[in-house]
Amino acid sequence: METLLAEYRRLALEHGRGTRGGDARATNRAYDKLMALARKICRSGKGFLFLTLFDDADSWVQLWAACHCLEVDETRALAKLEELLARNERLVSMSAYYTLDEWRKGALRWLERDS
């Protein structure tokens, strides 16, 4: 499972780099792989491992871990997203805002989608 989590972290970093750099192709490629891997981790019953990334040095890793933890530990995931929103880091905070908004509307369910 450590290997999967390390790959998850790598993909979250790649997604963040692509987003910051405006590279839509790299961002989308990382996103697709990240989502599939997140579902695999959660469906194996190990979604709680996303909590271990909440203190990662990279804000994008923290953001994705919080997003994917919403269906595992909603309380802690929401608190992390609120923290990221309050940091006012341009793209990360905006992503946290929209994730919180869509989650509260009931529009986000990561695990219900097929990979």
C-alpha atoms as a PDB file:
ATOM      1  CA  MET A   1       0.000   0.000   0.000  1.00  0.00           C
ATOM      2  CA  GLU A   2       2.957   2.335   0.602  1.00  0.00           C
ATOM      3  CA  THR A   3       3.798   2.069  -3.087  1.00  0.00           C
ATOM      4  CA  LEU A   4       0.267   3.089  -4.055  1.00  0.00           C
ATOM      5  CA  LEU A   5       0.347   6.030  -1.665  1.00  0.00           C
ATOM      6  CA  ALA A   6       3.738   7.137  -3.014  1.00  0.00           C
ATOM      7  CA  GLU A   7       2.330   6.972  -6.558  1.00  0.00           C
ATOM      8  CA  TYR A   8      -0.740   8.905  -5.416  1.00  0.00           C
ATOM      9  CA  ARG A   9       1.500  11.610  -3.969  1.00  0.00           C
ATOM     10  CA  ARG A  10       3.562  11.746  -7.172  1.00  0.00           C
ATOM     11  CA  LEU A  11       0.417  12.166  -9.269  1.00  0.00           C
ATOM     12  CA  ALA A  12      -0.946  14.895  -6.978  1.00  0.00           C
ATOM     13  CA  LEU A  13       2.363  16.749  -7.349  1.00  0.00           C
ATOM     14  CA  GLU A  14       2.250  16.280 -11.121  1.00  0.00           C
ATOM     15  CA  HIS A  15      -1.308  17.612 -11.228  1.00  0.00           C
ATOM     16  CA  GLY A  16      -0.292  20.650  -9.187  1.00  0.00           C
ATOM     17  CA  ARG A  17       2.707  21.375 -11.423  1.00  0.00           C
ATOM     18  CA  GLY A  18       0.566  21.075 -14.531  1.00  0.00           C
ATOM     19  CA  THR A  19      -2.105  23.336 -13.087  1.00  0.00           C
ATOM     20  CA  ARG A  20       0.359  26.009 -11.959  1.00  0.00           C
ATOM     21  CA  GLY A  21       2.180  25.846 -15.280  1.00  0.00           C
ATOM     22  CA  GLY A  22      -0.937  25.945 -17.428  1.00  0.00           C
ATOM     23  CA  ASP A  23      -0.185  22.568 -19.017  1.00  0.00           C
ATOM     24  CA  ALA A  24      -3.708  21.219 -19.526  1.00  0.00           C
ATOM     25  CA  ARG A  25      -2.535  17.995 -21.143  1.00  0.00           C
ATOM     26  CA  ALA A  26      -0.255  17.052 -18.229  1.00  0.00           C
ATOM     27  CA  THR A  27      -2.871  18.176 -15.711  1.00  0.00           C
ATOM     28  CA  ASN A  28      -5.615  16.081 -17.290  1.00  0.00           C
ATOM     29  CA  ARG A  29      -3.377  13.034 -17.618  1.00  0.00           C
ATOM     30  CA  ALA A  30      -2.371  13.270 -13.944  1.00  0.00           C
ATOM     31  CA  TYR A  31      -5.998  13.835 -12.928  1.00  0.00           C
ATOM     32  CA  ASP A  32      -7.244  10.707 -14.685  1.00  0.00           C
ATOM     33  CA  LYS A  33      -4.544   8.543 -13.113  1.00  0.00           C
ATOM     34  CA  LEU A  34      -4.991  10.167  -9.708  1.00  0.00           C
ATOM     35  CA  MET A  35      -8.732   9.548  -9.674  1.00  0.00           C
ATOM     36  CA  ALA A  36      -8.358   5.909 -10.685  1.00  0.00           C
ATOM     37  CA  LEU A  37      -5.726   5.348  -8.015  1.00  0.00           C
ATOM     38  CA  ALA A  38      -7.791   7.121  -5.337  1.00  0.00           C
ATOM     39  CA  ARG A  39     -10.741   4.846  -6.094  1.00  0.00           C
ATOM     40  CA  LYS A  40      -8.491   1.795  -5.938  1.00  0.00           C
ATOM     41  CA  ILE A  41      -7.132   2.837  -2.539  1.00  0.00           C
ATOM     42  CA  CYS A  42     -10.597   3.589  -1.133  1.00  0.00           C
ATOM     43  CA  ARG A  43     -12.184   0.451  -2.501  1.00  0.00           C
ATOM     44  CA  SER A  44      -9.439  -1.613  -0.874  1.00  0.00           C
ATOM     45  CA  GLY A  45     -10.576  -0.229   2.481  1.00  0.00           C
ATOM     46  CA  LYS A  46      -7.418   1.863   2.917  1.00  0.00           C
ATOM     47  CA  GLY A  47      -8.861   5.323   2.271  1.00  0.00           C
ATOM     48  CA  PHE A  48      -7.877   6.368   5.779  1.00  0.00           C
ATOM     49  CA  LEU A  49      -4.292   6.502   4.474  1.00  0.00           C
ATOM     50  CA  PHE A  50      -5.128   9.810   2.766  1.00  0.00           C
ATOM     51  CA  LEU A  51      -5.089  11.317   6.266  1.00  0.00           C
ATOM     52  CA  THR A  52      -1.339  10.685   6.397  1.00  0.00           C
ATOM     53  CA  LEU A  53      -0.903  13.197   3.565  1.00  0.00           C
ATOM     54  CA  PHE A  54      -2.696  16.058   5.325  1.00  0.00           C
ATOM     55  CA  ASP A  55       0.655  17.421   6.574  1.00  0.00           C
ATOM     56  CA  ASP A  56       2.560  16.907   3.332  1.00  0.00           C
ATOM     57  CA  ALA A  57       4.964  19.676   2.364  1.00  0.00           C
ATOM     58  CA  ASP A  58       3.009  20.311  -0.856  1.00  0.00           C
ATOM     59  CA  SER A  59      -0.401  21.996  -0.741  1.00  0.00           C
ATOM     60  CA  TRP A  60      -1.631  20.150  -3.836  1.00  0.00           C
ATOM     61  CA  VAL A  61      -0.986  16.812  -2.139  1.00  0.00           C
ATOM     62  CA  GLN A  62      -2.879  18.029   0.914  1.00  0.00           C
ATOM     63  CA  LEU A  63      -5.741  19.259  -1.265  1.00  0.00           C
ATOM     64  CA  TRP A  64      -6.148  16.009  -3.160  1.00  0.00           C
ATOM     65  CA  ALA A  65      -5.836  13.921  -0.006  1.00  0.00           C
ATOM     66  CA  ALA A  66      -8.585  15.992   1.635  1.00  0.00           C
ATOM     67  CA  CYS A  67     -10.807  15.720  -1.435  1.00  0.00           C
ATOM     68  CA  HIS A  68     -10.448  11.975  -1.582  1.00  0.00           C
ATOM     69  CA  CYS A  69     -10.897  11.637   2.155  1.00  0.00           C
ATOM     70  CA  LEU A  70     -14.341  13.269   2.111  1.00  0.00           C
ATOM     71  CA  GLU A  71     -16.076   9.906   1.834  1.00  0.00           C
ATOM     72  CA  VAL A  72     -13.762   8.325   4.405  1.00  0.00           C
ATOM     73  CA  ASP A  73     -13.619  10.916   7.202  1.00  0.00           C
ATOM     74  CA  GLU A  74     -15.803  13.842   6.238  1.00  0.00           C
ATOM     75  CA  THR A  75     -15.169  15.868   9.398  1.00  0.00           C
ATOM     76  CA  ARG A  76     -11.394  15.850   9.083  1.00  0.00           C
ATOM     77  CA  ALA A  77     -11.494  16.308   5.317  1.00  0.00           C
ATOM     78  CA  LEU A  78     -13.758  19.362   5.586  1.00  0.00           C
ATOM     79  CA  ALA A  79     -11.506  20.867   8.260  1.00  0.00           C
ATOM     80  CA  LYS A  80      -8.464  20.400   6.004  1.00  0.00           C
ATOM     81  CA  LEU A  81     -10.251  21.953   3.032  1.00  0.00           C
ATOM     82  CA  GLU A  82     -11.282  24.938   5.181  1.00  0.00           C
ATOM     83  CA  GLU A  83      -7.653  25.308   6.283  1.00  0.00           C
ATOM     84  CA  LEU A  84      -6.466  25.257   2.665  1.00  0.00           C
ATOM     85  CA  LEU A  85      -9.109  27.812   1.728  1.00  0.00           C
ATOM     86  CA  ALA A  86      -7.965  30.148   4.520  1.00  0.00           C
ATOM     87  CA  ARG A  87      -4.336  30.057   3.325  1.00  0.00           C
ATOM     88  CA  ASN A  88      -5.182  32.165   0.281  1.00  0.00           C
ATOM     89  CA  GLU A  89      -2.873  30.184  -1.999  1.00  0.00           C
ATOM     90  CA  ARG A  90      -4.201  31.220  -5.370  1.00  0.00           C
ATOM     91  CA  LEU A  91      -5.170  27.985  -7.145  1.00  0.00           C
ATOM     92  CA  VAL A  92      -5.161  25.650  -4.148  1.00  0.00           C
ATOM     93  CA  SER A  93      -7.516  27.843  -2.135  1.00  0.00           C
ATOM     94  CA  MET A  94      -9.808  28.309  -5.102  1.00  0.00           C
ATOM     95  CA  SER A  95      -9.929  24.539  -5.622  1.00  0.00           C
ATOM     96  CA  ALA A  96     -10.671  24.025  -1.930  1.00  0.00           C
ATOM     97  CA  TYR A  97     -13.488  26.584  -2.151  1.00  0.00           C
ATOM     98  CA  TYR A  98     -15.176  24.898  -5.101  1.00  0.00           C
ATOM     99  CA  THR A  99     -14.685  21.437  -3.629  1.00  0.00           C
ATOM    100  CA  LEU A 100     -16.340  22.536  -0.378  1.00  0.00           C
ATOM    101  CA  ASP A 101     -19.165  24.188  -2.293  1.00  0.00           C
ATOM    102  CA  GLU A 102     -19.878  21.172  -4.496  1.00  0.00           C
ATOM    103  CA  TRP A 103     -19.566  18.724  -1.594  1.00  0.00           C
ATOM    104  CA  ARG A 104     -22.063  20.686   0.467  1.00  0.00           C
ATOM    105  CA  LYS A 105     -24.460  20.717  -2.473  1.00  0.00           C
ATOM    106  CA  GLY A 106     -24.138  16.925  -2.668  1.00  0.00           C
ATOM    107  CA  ALA A 107     -22.637  17.096  -6.145  1.00  0.00           C
ATOM    108  CA  LEU A 108     -19.355  15.271  -5.417  1.00  0.00           C
ATOM    109  CA  ARG A 109     -19.030  11.554  -4.923  1.00  0.00           C
ATOM    110  CA  TRP A 110     -15.606  10.267  -5.925  1.00  0.00           C
ATOM    111  CA  LEU A 111     -16.274   6.589  -5.415  1.00  0.00           C
ATOM    112  CA  GLU A 112     -19.538   6.397  -7.351  1.00  0.00           C
ATOM    113  CA  ARG A 113     -17.820   6.988 -10.665  1.00  0.00           C
ATOM    114  CA  ASP A 114     -16.292   4.155 -12.638  1.00  0.00           C
ATOM    115  CA  SER A 115     -12.583   4.305 -13.252  1.00  0.00           C
END
